[in-house]
PDB file of N, CA and C in Angstrom:
ATOM      1  N   UNK A   1     -96.168 130.248   3.263  1.00  0.00           N
ATOM      2  CA  UNK A   1     -95.364 129.352   3.306  1.00  0.00           C
ATOM      3  C   UNK A   1     -95.629 127.693   4.142  1.00  0.00           C
ATOM      4  N   UNK A   2     -96.691 128.273   5.209  1.00  0.00           N
ATOM      5  CA  UNK A   2     -97.386 127.091   5.478  1.00  0.00           C
ATOM      6  C   UNK A   2     -98.694 126.580   4.579  1.00  0.00           C
ATOM      7  N   UNK A   3     -99.113 127.159   3.955  1.00  0.00           N
ATOM      8  CA  UNK A   3    -100.059 126.303   2.827  1.00  0.00           C
ATOM      9  C   UNK A   3     -99.105 125.761   1.795  1.00  0.00           C
ATOM     10  N   UNK A   4     -98.362 126.377   1.043  1.00  0.00           N
ATOM     11  CA  UNK A   4     -97.654 125.445   0.662  1.00  0.00           C
ATOM     12  C   UNK A   4     -97.154 124.281   1.345  1.00  0.00           C
ATOM     13  N   UNK A   5     -96.364 124.245   2.155  1.00  0.00           N
ATOM     14  CA  UNK A   5     -96.595 122.907   2.882  1.00  0.00           C
ATOM     15  C   UNK A   5     -97.511 121.629   2.949  1.00  0.00           C
ATOM     16  N   UNK A   6     -98.394 122.471   3.582  1.00  0.00           N
ATOM     17  CA  UNK A   6    -100.005 121.413   3.829  1.00  0.00           C
ATOM     18  C   UNK A   6    -100.471 121.115   2.554  1.00  0.00           C
ATOM     19  N   UNK A   7    -100.113 121.397   1.330  1.00  0.00           N
ATOM     20  CA  UNK A   7    -100.405 121.213   0.494  1.00  0.00           C
ATOM     21  C   UNK A   7     -99.577 119.884  -0.287  1.00  0.00           C
ATOM     22  N   UNK A   8     -98.589 120.405  -0.237  1.00  0.00           N
ATOM     23  CA  UNK A   8     -97.094 119.082  -0.886  1.00  0.00           C
ATOM     24  C   UNK A   8     -97.475 118.125   0.221  1.00  0.00           C
ATOM     25  N   UNK A   9     -97.961 118.599   1.674  1.00  0.00           N
ATOM     26  CA  UNK A   9     -98.339 116.941   2.505  1.00  0.00           C
ATOM     27  C   UNK A   9     -99.724 116.381   1.765  1.00  0.00           C
ATOM     28  N   UNK A  10    -100.986 117.346   1.865  1.00  0.00           N
ATOM     29  CA  UNK A  10    -101.765 116.548   1.270  1.00  0.00           C
ATOM     30  C   UNK A  10    -101.563 116.208  -0.079  1.00  0.00           C
ATOM     31  N   UNK A  11    -100.500 116.237  -0.757  1.00  0.00           N
ATOM     32  CA  UNK A  11    -100.790 115.463  -2.055  1.00  0.00           C
ATOM     33  C   UNK A  11     -99.763 114.676  -2.159  1.00  0.00           C
ATOM     34  N   UNK A  12     -98.553 113.955  -1.268  1.00  0.00           N
ATOM     35  CA  UNK A  12     -97.787 112.686  -0.593  1.00  0.00           C
ATOM     36  C   UNK A  12     -99.210 112.339  -0.130  1.00  0.00           C
ATOM     37  N   UNK A  13     -99.898 112.327   0.481  1.00  0.00           N
ATOM     38  CA  UNK A  13    -101.116 111.468   0.647  1.00  0.00           C
ATOM     39  C   UNK A  13    -102.037 110.883   0.209  1.00  0.00           C
ATOM     40  N   UNK A  14    -102.535 112.299  -1.054  1.00  0.00           N
ATOM     41  CA  UNK A  14    -103.292 111.550  -1.683  1.00  0.00           C
ATOM     42  C   UNK A  14    -102.862 110.581  -3.032  1.00  0.00           C
ATOM     43  N   UNK A  15    -101.121 110.453  -2.848  1.00  0.00           N
ATOM     44  CA  UNK A  15    -100.469 109.436  -3.458  1.00  0.00           C
ATOM     45  C   UNK A  15    -100.363 108.424  -3.072  1.00  0.00           C
ATOM     46  N   UNK A  16     -99.806 108.437  -2.002  1.00  0.00           N
ATOM     47  CA  UNK A  16     -99.762 106.893  -0.641  1.00  0.00           C
ATOM     48  C   UNK A  16    -101.623 106.266  -0.957  1.00  0.00           C
ATOM     49  N   UNK A  17    -102.342 107.255  -0.558  1.00  0.00           N
ATOM     50  CA  UNK A  17    -103.889 106.671  -0.969  1.00  0.00           C
ATOM     51  C   UNK A  17    -104.063 106.168  -1.957  1.00  0.00           C
ATOM     52  N   UNK A  18    -103.819 106.483  -3.410  1.00  0.00           N
ATOM     53  CA  UNK A  18    -103.436 105.847  -4.687  1.00  0.00           C
ATOM     54  C   UNK A  18    -102.989 104.835  -4.683  1.00  0.00           C
ATOM     55  N   UNK A  19    -101.596 104.441  -4.161  1.00  0.00           N
ATOM     56  CA  UNK A  19    -101.029 103.636  -4.204  1.00  0.00           C
ATOM     57  C   UNK A  19    -101.823 102.072  -3.550  1.00  0.00           C
ATOM     58  N   UNK A  20    -102.504 102.930  -2.446  1.00  0.00           N
ATOM     59  CA  UNK A  20    -102.705 101.766  -1.785  1.00  0.00           C
ATOM     60  C   UNK A  20    -103.853 101.305  -2.052  1.00  0.00           C
ATOM     61  N   UNK A  21    -104.638 102.177  -2.927  1.00  0.00           N
ATOM     62  CA  UNK A  21    -106.203 101.833  -3.717  1.00  0.00           C
ATOM     63  C   UNK A  21    -105.287 100.595  -4.897  1.00  0.00           C
ATOM     64  N   UNK A  22    -104.799 101.082  -5.571  1.00  0.00           N
ATOM     65  CA  UNK A  22    -104.347 100.428  -6.467  1.00  0.00           C
ATOM     66  C   UNK A  22    -103.903  98.852  -6.375  1.00  0.00           C
ATOM     67  N   UNK A  23    -102.534  98.936  -5.007  1.00  0.00           N
ATOM     68  CA  UNK A  23    -102.258  97.569  -4.359  1.00  0.00           C
ATOM     69  C   UNK A  23    -103.554  96.619  -4.037  1.00  0.00           C
ATOM     70  N   UNK A  24    -104.597  97.118  -3.603  1.00  0.00           N
ATOM     71  CA  UNK A  24    -105.791  96.682  -2.912  1.00  0.00           C
ATOM     72  C   UNK A  24    -106.405  95.913  -3.966  1.00  0.00           C
ATOM     73  N   UNK A  25    -106.622  96.941  -5.116  1.00  0.00           N
ATOM     74  CA  UNK A  25    -108.024  96.337  -6.277  1.00  0.00           C
ATOM     75  C   UNK A  25    -106.336  95.888  -7.271  1.00  0.00           C
ATOM     76  N   UNK A  26    -105.282  95.791  -7.195  1.00  0.00           N
ATOM     77  CA  UNK A  26    -104.506  94.408  -8.201  1.00  0.00           C
ATOM     78  C   UNK A  26    -104.504  92.886  -7.026  1.00  0.00           C
ATOM     79  N   UNK A  27    -104.692  93.212  -5.883  1.00  0.00           N
ATOM     80  CA  UNK A  27    -104.358  91.600  -4.775  1.00  0.00           C
ATOM     81  C   UNK A  27    -105.865  91.442  -4.898  1.00  0.00           C
ATOM     82  N   UNK A  28    -107.058  92.540  -5.239  1.00  0.00           N
ATOM     83  CA  UNK A  28    -108.365  91.623  -5.320  1.00  0.00           C
ATOM     84  C   UNK A  28    -108.493  90.555  -6.589  1.00  0.00           C
ATOM     85  N   UNK A  29    -108.105  91.253  -7.597  1.00  0.00           N
ATOM     86  CA  UNK A  29    -107.781  90.738  -8.871  1.00  0.00           C
ATOM     87  C   UNK A  29    -107.394  89.836  -9.002  1.00  0.00           C
ATOM     88  N   UNK A  30    -105.809  89.644  -8.673  1.00  0.00           N
ATOM     89  CA  UNK A  30    -105.633  88.118  -8.369  1.00  0.00           C
ATOM     90  C   UNK A  30    -105.744  87.008  -7.467  1.00  0.00           C
ATOM     91  N   UNK A  31    -106.438  88.050  -6.548  1.00  0.00           N
ATOM     92  CA  UNK A  31    -107.785  86.499  -5.386  1.00  0.00           C
ATOM     93  C   UNK A  31    -108.273  86.252  -6.064  1.00  0.00           C
ATOM     94  N   UNK A  32    -109.211  87.006  -7.280  1.00  0.00           N
ATOM     95  CA  UNK A  32    -110.526  86.459  -7.948  1.00  0.00           C
ATOM     96  C   UNK A  32    -110.385  85.346  -8.940  1.00  0.00           C
ATOM     97  N   UNK A  33    -108.816  86.097  -9.713  1.00  0.00           N
ATOM     98  CA  UNK A  33    -108.808  85.384 -10.755  1.00  0.00           C
ATOM     99  C   UNK A  33    -108.305  83.633 -10.449  1.00  0.00           C
ATOM    100  N   UNK A  34    -107.640  83.892  -9.304  1.00  0.00           N
ATOM    101  CA  UNK A  34    -106.655  82.605  -8.991  1.00  0.00           C
ATOM    102  C   UNK A  34    -107.908  81.681  -8.595  1.00  0.00           C
ATOM    103  N   UNK A  35    -108.960  82.151  -7.929  1.00  0.00           N
ATOM    104  CA  UNK A  35    -109.853  81.511  -7.014  1.00  0.00           C
ATOM    105  C   UNK A  35    -110.739  81.063  -8.041  1.00  0.00           C
ATOM    106  N   UNK A  36    -111.044  81.516  -9.170  1.00  0.00           N
ATOM    107  CA  UNK A  36    -111.742  81.282 -10.655  1.00  0.00           C
ATOM    108  C   UNK A  36    -111.245  80.008 -10.944  1.00  0.00           C
ATOM    109  N   UNK A  37    -109.501  79.966 -11.260  1.00  0.00           N
ATOM    110  CA  UNK A  37    -109.327  79.055 -11.907  1.00  0.00           C
ATOM    111  C   UNK A  37    -109.362  78.108 -10.921  1.00  0.00           C
ATOM    112  N   UNK A  38    -108.790  77.749  -9.556  1.00  0.00           N
ATOM    113  CA  UNK A  38    -109.029  76.881  -8.666  1.00  0.00           C
ATOM    114  C   UNK A  38    -110.390  75.922  -8.231  1.00  0.00           C
ATOM    115  N   UNK A  39    -111.182  76.805  -8.291  1.00  0.00           N
ATOM    116  CA  UNK A  39    -112.322  76.311  -8.668  1.00  0.00           C
ATOM    117  C   UNK A  39    -112.645  75.536 -10.191  1.00  0.00           C
ATOM    118  N   UNK A  40    -112.249  76.167 -10.964  1.00  0.00           N
ATOM    119  CA  UNK A  40    -112.829  74.921 -12.057  1.00  0.00           C
ATOM    120  C   UNK A  40    -112.157  74.027 -12.294  1.00  0.00           C
ATOM    121  N   UNK A  41    -110.991  74.354 -11.738  1.00  0.00           N
ATOM    122  CA  UNK A  41    -110.268  72.769 -11.482  1.00  0.00           C
ATOM    123  C   UNK A  41    -110.812  71.935 -10.334  1.00  0.00           C
ATOM    124  N   UNK A  42    -111.297  72.620  -8.974  1.00  0.00           N
ATOM    125  CA  UNK A  42    -112.257  71.223  -8.271  1.00  0.00           C
ATOM    126  C   UNK A  42    -113.217  71.217  -8.625  1.00  0.00           C
ATOM    127  N   UNK A  43    -113.804  71.760  -9.631  1.00  0.00           N
ATOM    128  CA  UNK A  43    -115.334  71.705  -9.724  1.00  0.00           C
ATOM    129  C   UNK A  43    -115.345  70.116 -11.025  1.00  0.00           C
ATOM    130  N   UNK A  44    -114.592  70.548 -11.828  1.00  0.00           N
ATOM    131  CA  UNK A  44    -113.882  69.623 -13.191  1.00  0.00           C
ATOM    132  C   UNK A  44    -113.794  68.403 -12.619  1.00  0.00           C
ATOM    133  N   UNK A  45    -112.715  68.106 -11.674  1.00  0.00           N
ATOM    134  CA  UNK A  45    -112.096  66.573 -11.222  1.00  0.00           C
ATOM    135  C   UNK A  45    -113.534  65.722 -10.647  1.00  0.00           C
ATOM    136  N   UNK A  46    -114.524  66.976  -9.939  1.00  0.00           N
ATOM    137  CA  UNK A  46    -115.342  66.112  -8.883  1.00  0.00           C
ATOM    138  C   UNK A  46    -117.035  66.107  -9.967  1.00  0.00           C
ATOM    139  N   UNK A  47    -117.290  64.730 -10.977  1.00  0.00           N
ATOM    140  CA  UNK A  47    -117.907  64.914 -11.493  1.00  0.00           C
ATOM    141  C   UNK A  47    -118.953  64.627 -10.559  1.00  0.00           C
ATOM    142  N   UNK A  48    -119.146  63.881 -10.243  1.00  0.00           N
ATOM    143  CA  UNK A  48    -120.432  63.633  -9.209  1.00  0.00           C
ATOM    144  C   UNK A  48    -120.269  64.767  -7.878  1.00  0.00           C
ATOM    145  N   UNK A  49    -121.292  64.813  -8.177  1.00  0.00           N
ATOM    146  CA  UNK A  49    -121.625  66.336  -7.267  1.00  0.00           C
ATOM    147  C   UNK A  49    -123.115  66.277  -6.346  1.00  0.00           C
ATOM    148  N   UNK A  50    -122.956  66.508  -5.035  1.00  0.00           N
ATOM    149  CA  UNK A  50    -124.300  66.628  -4.600  1.00  0.00           C
ATOM    150  C   UNK A  50    -124.752  67.682  -4.584  1.00  0.00           C
ATOM    151  N   UNK A  51    -126.116  67.967  -3.725  1.00  0.00           N
ATOM    152  CA  UNK A  51    -126.955  69.077  -3.615  1.00  0.00           C
ATOM    153  C   UNK A  51    -126.609  70.477  -3.648  1.00  0.00           C
ATOM    154  N   UNK A  52    -125.650  70.000  -1.707  1.00  0.00           N
ATOM    155  CA  UNK A  52    -124.998  71.203  -1.773  1.00  0.00           C
ATOM    156  C   UNK A  52    -124.258  72.214  -2.799  1.00  0.00           C
ATOM    157  N   UNK A  53    -123.748  71.233  -2.720  1.00  0.00           N
ATOM    158  CA  UNK A  53    -121.974  71.666  -3.915  1.00  0.00           C
ATOM    159  C   UNK A  53    -122.586  71.934  -5.111  1.00  0.00           C
ATOM    160  N   UNK A  54    -124.465  71.650  -5.868  1.00  0.00           N
ATOM    161  CA  UNK A  54    -124.670  72.685  -6.530  1.00  0.00           C
ATOM    162  C   UNK A  54    -125.088  73.748  -6.828  1.00  0.00           C
ATOM    163  N   UNK A  55    -124.836  74.442  -5.750  1.00  0.00           N
ATOM    164  CA  UNK A  55    -124.980  75.734  -4.758  1.00  0.00           C
ATOM    165  C   UNK A  55    -124.136  76.533  -5.752  1.00  0.00           C
ATOM    166  N   UNK A  56    -122.582  75.929  -4.888  1.00  0.00           N
ATOM    167  CA  UNK A  56    -121.679  76.597  -5.736  1.00  0.00           C
ATOM    168  C   UNK A  56    -121.304  76.263  -7.103  1.00  0.00           C
ATOM    169  N   UNK A  57    -121.717  75.394  -7.892  1.00  0.00           N
ATOM    170  CA  UNK A  57    -121.331  75.625  -8.993  1.00  0.00           C
ATOM    171  C   UNK A  57    -122.426  76.539  -9.846  1.00  0.00           C
ATOM    172  N   UNK A  58    -123.718  76.833  -9.493  1.00  0.00           N
ATOM    173  CA  UNK A  58    -123.960  78.253  -9.906  1.00  0.00           C
ATOM    174  C   UNK A  58    -123.568  79.300  -9.189  1.00  0.00           C
ATOM    175  N   UNK A  59    -122.987  79.334  -8.445  1.00  0.00           N
ATOM    176  CA  UNK A  59    -123.350  80.776  -7.636  1.00  0.00           C
ATOM    177  C   UNK A  59    -121.822  81.362  -7.635  1.00  0.00           C
ATOM    178  N   UNK A  60    -120.791  80.800  -8.131  1.00  0.00           N
ATOM    179  CA  UNK A  60    -119.371  81.564  -7.988  1.00  0.00           C
ATOM    180  C   UNK A  60    -119.109  81.487  -9.646  1.00  0.00           C
ATOM    181  N   UNK A  61    -119.934  81.125 -10.242  1.00  0.00           N
ATOM    182  CA  UNK A  61    -119.587  81.340 -11.965  1.00  0.00           C
ATOM    183  C   UNK A  61    -120.025  83.134 -12.104  1.00  0.00           C
ATOM    184  N   UNK A  62    -121.094  83.720 -11.230  1.00  0.00           N
ATOM    185  CA  UNK A  62    -121.388  84.679 -11.435  1.00  0.00           C
ATOM    186  C   UNK A  62    -120.791  85.444 -11.076  1.00  0.00           C
ATOM    187  N   UNK A  63    -120.186  85.084  -9.973  1.00  0.00           N
ATOM    188  CA  UNK A  63    -119.507  86.618  -8.907  1.00  0.00           C
ATOM    189  C   UNK A  63    -118.089  86.499  -9.513  1.00  0.00           C
ATOM    190  N   UNK A  64    -117.124  85.895  -9.931  1.00  0.00           N
ATOM    191  CA  UNK A  64    -115.773  85.992 -10.261  1.00  0.00           C
ATOM    192  C   UNK A  64    -115.686  87.145 -11.656  1.00  0.00           C
ATOM    193  N   UNK A  65    -116.694  86.419 -12.745  1.00  0.00           N
ATOM    194  CA  UNK A  65    -116.332  88.061 -13.643  1.00  0.00           C
ATOM    195  C   UNK A  65    -117.079  89.270 -13.077  1.00  0.00           C
ATOM    196  N   UNK A  66    -117.803  89.475 -12.200  1.00  0.00           N
ATOM    197  CA  UNK A  66    -117.789  90.902 -11.552  1.00  0.00           C
ATOM    198  C   UNK A  66    -116.627  91.345 -10.933  1.00  0.00           C
ATOM    199  N   UNK A  67    -116.622  90.845  -9.784  1.00  0.00           N
ATOM    200  CA  UNK A  67    -115.328  90.780  -9.085  1.00  0.00           C
ATOM    201  C   UNK A  67    -114.301  91.196  -9.966  1.00  0.00           C
ATOM    202  N   UNK A  68    -114.153  90.539 -11.408  1.00  0.00           N
ATOM    203  CA  UNK A  68    -113.115  90.759 -11.663  1.00  0.00           C
ATOM    204  C   UNK A  68    -112.904  92.255 -12.830  1.00  0.00           C
ATOM    205  N   UNK A  69    -114.525  92.458 -12.800  1.00  0.00           N
ATOM    206  CA  UNK A  69    -114.797  93.642 -13.665  1.00  0.00           C
ATOM    207  C   UNK A  69    -114.498  94.889 -12.623  1.00  0.00           C
ATOM    208  N   UNK A  70    -115.018  94.721 -11.456  1.00  0.00           N
ATOM    209  CA  UNK A  70    -115.056  95.725 -10.507  1.00  0.00           C
ATOM    210  C   UNK A  70    -113.610  96.053 -10.385  1.00  0.00           C
ATOM    211  N   UNK A  71    -112.665  95.011 -10.283  1.00  0.00           N
ATOM    212  CA  UNK A  71    -111.411  95.234  -9.562  1.00  0.00           C
ATOM    213  C   UNK A  71    -110.594  96.877 -10.773  1.00  0.00           C
ATOM    214  N   UNK A  72    -110.469  96.502 -12.046  1.00  0.00           N
ATOM    215  CA  UNK A  72    -110.623  96.618 -13.586  1.00  0.00           C
ATOM    216  C   UNK A  72    -110.879  98.209 -13.241  1.00  0.00           C
ATOM    217  N   UNK A  73    -112.248  98.300 -13.025  1.00  0.00           N
ATOM    218  CA  UNK A  73    -112.648  99.817 -12.998  1.00  0.00           C
ATOM    219  C   UNK A  73    -112.235 100.583 -11.793  1.00  0.00           C
ATOM    220  N   UNK A  74    -111.872  99.778 -10.843  1.00  0.00           N
ATOM    221  CA  UNK A  74    -111.147 100.509  -9.564  1.00  0.00           C
ATOM    222  C   UNK A  74    -109.798 100.863 -10.328  1.00  0.00           C
ATOM    223  N   UNK A  75    -108.714 100.008 -10.825  1.00  0.00           N
ATOM    224  CA  UNK A  75    -107.608 100.274 -11.432  1.00  0.00           C
ATOM    225  C   UNK A  75    -107.279 101.509 -11.862  1.00  0.00           C
ATOM    226  N   UNK A  76    -109.042 101.353 -12.895  1.00  0.00           N
ATOM    227  CA  UNK A  76    -109.224 102.886 -13.209  1.00  0.00           C
ATOM    228  C   UNK A  76    -108.729 104.271 -12.601  1.00  0.00           C
ATOM    229  N   UNK A  77    -110.364 103.808 -11.539  1.00  0.00           N
ATOM    230  CA  UNK A  77    -110.418 104.735 -11.264  1.00  0.00           C
ATOM    231  C   UNK A  77    -108.945 104.934 -10.586  1.00  0.00           C
ATOM    232  N   UNK A  78    -108.297 104.725  -9.482  1.00  0.00           N
ATOM    233  CA  UNK A  78    -106.926 104.977  -8.995  1.00  0.00           C
ATOM    234  C   UNK A  78    -105.815 105.801  -9.429  1.00  0.00           C
ATOM    235  N   UNK A  79    -105.999 105.095 -11.376  1.00  0.00           N
ATOM    236  CA  UNK A  79    -105.202 106.009 -12.131  1.00  0.00           C
ATOM    237  C   UNK A  79    -105.569 107.342 -12.184  1.00  0.00           C
ATOM    238  N   UNK A  80    -106.912 107.838 -12.892  1.00  0.00           N
ATOM    239  CA  UNK A  80    -107.425 109.117 -12.672  1.00  0.00           C
ATOM    240  C   UNK A  80    -106.771 109.620 -11.370  1.00  0.00           C
ATOM    241  N   UNK A  81    -106.509 109.711 -10.691  1.00  0.00           N
ATOM    242  CA  UNK A  81    -106.681 109.977  -9.144  1.00  0.00           C
ATOM    243  C   UNK A  81    -105.274 110.000  -8.950  1.00  0.00           C
ATOM    244  N   UNK A  82    -104.296 108.954  -9.301  1.00  0.00           N
ATOM    245  CA  UNK A  82    -103.121 109.996  -9.907  1.00  0.00           C
ATOM    246  C   UNK A  82    -102.484 110.313 -10.676  1.00  0.00           C
ATOM    247  N   UNK A  83    -102.986 110.317 -11.789  1.00  0.00           N
ATOM    248  CA  UNK A  83    -102.588 111.072 -13.178  1.00  0.00           C
ATOM    249  C   UNK A  83    -103.648 113.139 -12.941  1.00  0.00           C
ATOM    250  N   UNK A  84    -104.650 112.621 -12.049  1.00  0.00           N
ATOM    251  CA  UNK A  84    -104.610 114.183 -11.568  1.00  0.00           C
ATOM    252  C   UNK A  84    -104.021 114.818 -10.305  1.00  0.00           C
ATOM    253  N   UNK A  85    -103.402 114.192  -9.564  1.00  0.00           N
ATOM    254  CA  UNK A  85    -102.620 114.305  -8.886  1.00  0.00           C
ATOM    255  C   UNK A  85    -101.174 114.712  -9.354  1.00  0.00           C
ATOM    256  N   UNK A  86    -100.555 114.311 -10.246  1.00  0.00           N
ATOM    257  CA  UNK A  86     -99.438 114.326 -10.519  1.00  0.00           C
ATOM    258  C   UNK A  86     -99.140 115.831 -11.489  1.00  0.00           C
ATOM    259  N   UNK A  87    -100.297 115.688 -12.765  1.00  0.00           N
ATOM    260  CA  UNK A  87    -100.666 116.896 -13.312  1.00  0.00           C
ATOM    261  C   UNK A  87    -101.611 118.162 -12.743  1.00  0.00           C
ATOM    262  N   UNK A  88    -101.618 117.915 -11.608  1.00  0.00           N
ATOM    263  CA  UNK A  88    -102.544 118.919 -11.008  1.00  0.00           C
ATOM    264  C   UNK A  88    -103.999 119.467 -11.720  1.00  0.00           C
ATOM    265  N   UNK A  89    -104.513 118.311 -12.526  1.00  0.00           N
ATOM    266  CA  UNK A  89    -105.395 118.244 -13.159  1.00  0.00           C
ATOM    267  C   UNK A  89    -107.021 118.356 -12.878  1.00  0.00           C
ATOM    268  N   UNK A  90    -107.338 119.549 -12.355  1.00  0.00           N
ATOM    269  CA  UNK A  90    -109.015 119.840 -11.356  1.00  0.00           C
ATOM    270  C   UNK A  90    -109.921 118.533 -12.135  1.00  0.00           C
ATOM    271  N   UNK A  91    -110.088 118.452 -13.419  1.00  0.00           N
ATOM    272  CA  UNK A  91    -111.174 117.670 -14.301  1.00  0.00           C
ATOM    273  C   UNK A  91    -110.686 116.398 -13.814  1.00  0.00           C
ATOM    274  N   UNK A  92    -109.867 116.020 -13.849  1.00  0.00           N
ATOM    275  CA  UNK A  92    -109.031 114.677 -13.086  1.00  0.00           C
ATOM    276  C   UNK A  92    -109.539 114.341 -12.163  1.00  0.00           C
ATOM    277  N   UNK A  93    -109.115 115.147 -11.235  1.00  0.00           N
ATOM    278  CA  UNK A  93    -109.348 114.942  -9.760  1.00  0.00           C
ATOM    279  C   UNK A  93    -110.934 115.002  -9.578  1.00  0.00           C
ATOM    280  N   UNK A  94    -111.769 115.792 -10.495  1.00  0.00           N
ATOM    281  CA  UNK A  94    -112.880 115.911 -10.292  1.00  0.00           C
ATOM    282  C   UNK A  94    -113.576 114.335 -10.274  1.00  0.00           C
ATOM    283  N   UNK A  95    -113.381 113.950 -11.540  1.00  0.00           N
ATOM    284  CA  UNK A  95    -113.672 112.671 -12.115  1.00  0.00           C
ATOM    285  C   UNK A  95    -113.436 111.297 -11.224  1.00  0.00           C
ATOM    286  N   UNK A  96    -111.904 111.951 -10.068  1.00  0.00           N
ATOM    287  CA  UNK A  96    -111.877 110.927  -9.802  1.00  0.00           C
ATOM    288  C   UNK A  96    -113.220 110.931  -8.254  1.00  0.00           C
ATOM    289  N   UNK A  97    -112.855 111.986  -7.428  1.00  0.00           N
ATOM    290  CA  UNK A  97    -114.123 112.260  -6.583  1.00  0.00           C
ATOM    291  C   UNK A  97    -115.127 112.013  -6.793  1.00  0.00           C
ATOM    292  N   UNK A  98    -115.519 112.079  -7.860  1.00  0.00           N
ATOM    293  CA  UNK A  98    -117.118 111.747  -8.450  1.00  0.00           C
ATOM    294  C   UNK A  98    -117.489 109.901  -8.615  1.00  0.00           C
ATOM    295  N   UNK A  99    -116.100 109.247  -8.824  1.00  0.00           N
ATOM    296  CA  UNK A  99    -116.118 108.044  -8.922  1.00  0.00           C
ATOM    297  C   UNK A  99    -115.717 106.822  -7.420  1.00  0.00           C
ATOM    298  N   UNK A 100    -115.477 108.022  -6.476  1.00  0.00           N
ATOM    299  CA  UNK A 100    -115.145 107.196  -5.087  1.00  0.00           C
ATOM    300  C   UNK A 100    -116.668 107.740  -4.521  1.00  0.00           C
ATOM    301  N   UNK A 101    -117.217 108.753  -4.817  1.00  0.00           N
ATOM    302  CA  UNK A 101    -118.514 109.142  -4.554  1.00  0.00           C
ATOM    303  C   UNK A 101    -119.405 107.865  -5.091  1.00  0.00           C
ATOM    304  N   UNK A 102    -119.785 107.719  -6.220  1.00  0.00           N
ATOM    305  CA  UNK A 102    -120.320 107.173  -7.340  1.00  0.00           C
ATOM    306  C   UNK A 102    -119.915 105.174  -6.204  1.00  0.00           C
ATOM    307  N   UNK A 103    -118.734 104.983  -6.199  1.00  0.00           N
ATOM    308  CA  UNK A 103    -118.545 103.827  -5.744  1.00  0.00           C
ATOM    309  C   UNK A 103    -119.039 103.420  -3.912  1.00  0.00           C
ATOM    310  N   UNK A 104    -118.987 104.539  -3.237  1.00  0.00           N
ATOM    311  CA  UNK A 104    -119.565 104.296  -1.974  1.00  0.00           C
ATOM    312  C   UNK A 104    -120.882 104.459  -1.989  1.00  0.00           C
ATOM    313  N   UNK A 105    -121.409 105.242  -2.638  1.00  0.00           N
ATOM    314  CA  UNK A 105    -123.108 105.016  -2.713  1.00  0.00           C
ATOM    315  C   UNK A 105    -123.393 103.533  -3.200  1.00  0.00           C
ATOM    316  N   UNK A 106    -123.023 103.374  -4.080  1.00  0.00           N
ATOM    317  CA  UNK A 106    -122.803 101.852  -4.672  1.00  0.00           C
ATOM    318  C   UNK A 106    -122.790 100.699  -3.528  1.00  0.00           C
ATOM    319  N   UNK A 107    -122.216 101.373  -2.844  1.00  0.00           N
ATOM    320  CA  UNK A 107    -121.619 100.233  -1.269  1.00  0.00           C
ATOM    321  C   UNK A 107    -122.333 100.331  -0.512  1.00  0.00           C
ATOM    322  N   UNK A 108    -122.818 101.370  -0.556  1.00  0.00           N
ATOM    323  CA  UNK A 108    -123.704 101.465   0.392  1.00  0.00           C
ATOM    324  C   UNK A 108    -125.068 101.134   0.391  1.00  0.00           C
ATOM    325  N   UNK A 109    -125.629 101.163  -0.877  1.00  0.00           N
ATOM    326  CA  UNK A 109    -127.176 100.564  -1.509  1.00  0.00           C
ATOM    327  C   UNK A 109    -126.938  98.781  -1.482  1.00  0.00           C
ATOM    328  N   UNK A 110    -125.408  98.572  -2.034  1.00  0.00           N
ATOM    329  CA  UNK A 110    -125.738  96.937  -1.393  1.00  0.00           C
ATOM    330  C   UNK A 110    -125.790  96.183  -0.445  1.00  0.00           C
ATOM    331  N   UNK A 111    -125.109  97.270   0.778  1.00  0.00           N
ATOM    332  CA  UNK A 111    -125.148  96.605   2.174  1.00  0.00           C
ATOM    333  C   UNK A 111    -126.017  96.688   3.199  1.00  0.00           C
ATOM    334  N   UNK A 112    -127.055  98.052   2.864  1.00  0.00           N
ATOM    335  CA  UNK A 112    -128.935  98.390   2.649  1.00  0.00           C
ATOM    336  C   UNK A 112    -129.545  96.463   2.588  1.00  0.00           C
ATOM    337  N   UNK A 113    -129.281  96.555   1.112  1.00  0.00           N
ATOM    338  CA  UNK A 113    -130.243  95.563   0.336  1.00  0.00           C
ATOM    339  C   UNK A 113    -129.941  94.233   1.147  1.00  0.00           C
ATOM    340  N   UNK A 114    -128.182  93.932   1.532  1.00  0.00           N
ATOM    341  CA  UNK A 114    -128.193  92.502   1.769  1.00  0.00           C
ATOM    342  C   UNK A 114    -128.936  92.760   3.537  1.00  0.00           C
ATOM    343  N   UNK A 115    -129.030  93.567   4.003  1.00  0.00           N
ATOM    344  CA  UNK A 115    -129.561  93.853   5.336  1.00  0.00           C
ATOM    345  C   UNK A 115    -131.151  93.450   5.479  1.00  0.00           C
ATOM    346  N   UNK A 116    -131.349  94.497   4.384  1.00  0.00           N
ATOM    347  CA  UNK A 116    -132.888  93.549   3.994  1.00  0.00           C
ATOM    348  C   UNK A 116    -133.250  92.439   3.622  1.00  0.00           C
ATOM    349  N   UNK A 117    -132.450  91.913   2.646  1.00  0.00           N
ATOM    350  CA  UNK A 117    -132.462  90.424   2.113  1.00  0.00           C
ATOM    351  C   UNK A 117    -132.623  90.164   3.714  1.00  0.00           C
ATOM    352  N   UNK A 118    -131.833  90.303   4.585  1.00  0.00           N
ATOM    353  CA  UNK A 118    -131.052  89.315   5.374  1.00  0.00           C
ATOM    354  C   UNK A 118    -132.879  88.956   6.732  1.00  0.00           C
ATOM    355  N   UNK A 119    -133.183  90.828   6.495  1.00  0.00           N
ATOM    356  CA  UNK A 119    -133.871  90.689   7.584  1.00  0.00           C
ATOM    357  C   UNK A 119    -135.866  89.514   6.772  1.00  0.00           C
ATOM    358  N   UNK A 120    -135.875  89.809   5.592  1.00  0.00           N
ATOM    359  CA  UNK A 120    -137.262  88.851   5.105  1.00  0.00           C
ATOM    360  C   UNK A 120    -136.893  87.766   5.365  1.00  0.00           C
TER     361      UNK A 120
END
């Protein structure tokens, strides 16, 4: 009886975490799309730019497609977790946790790389 209750509690916790994961991914996707459109409007209105603003012109067009692609990937990963939890499918849950592990390792590597770049 206690084991069944703990499994139900863990399933509800996984539902809540997946919902939070989806909401965060969708909000970052919306902000990225809004910022891309907003910056394009601002940058087309100012034809005469200074050298400092030229960095913004070259930096932001690269960041936004990457952010949008990553958010779409995270939404798919969240769906895997939700569907695996609802159907109690171990294969989907294994893909979900494997994807989360890969995402964590990539974020950790990016953090270390950024720290190394700042030291140089």
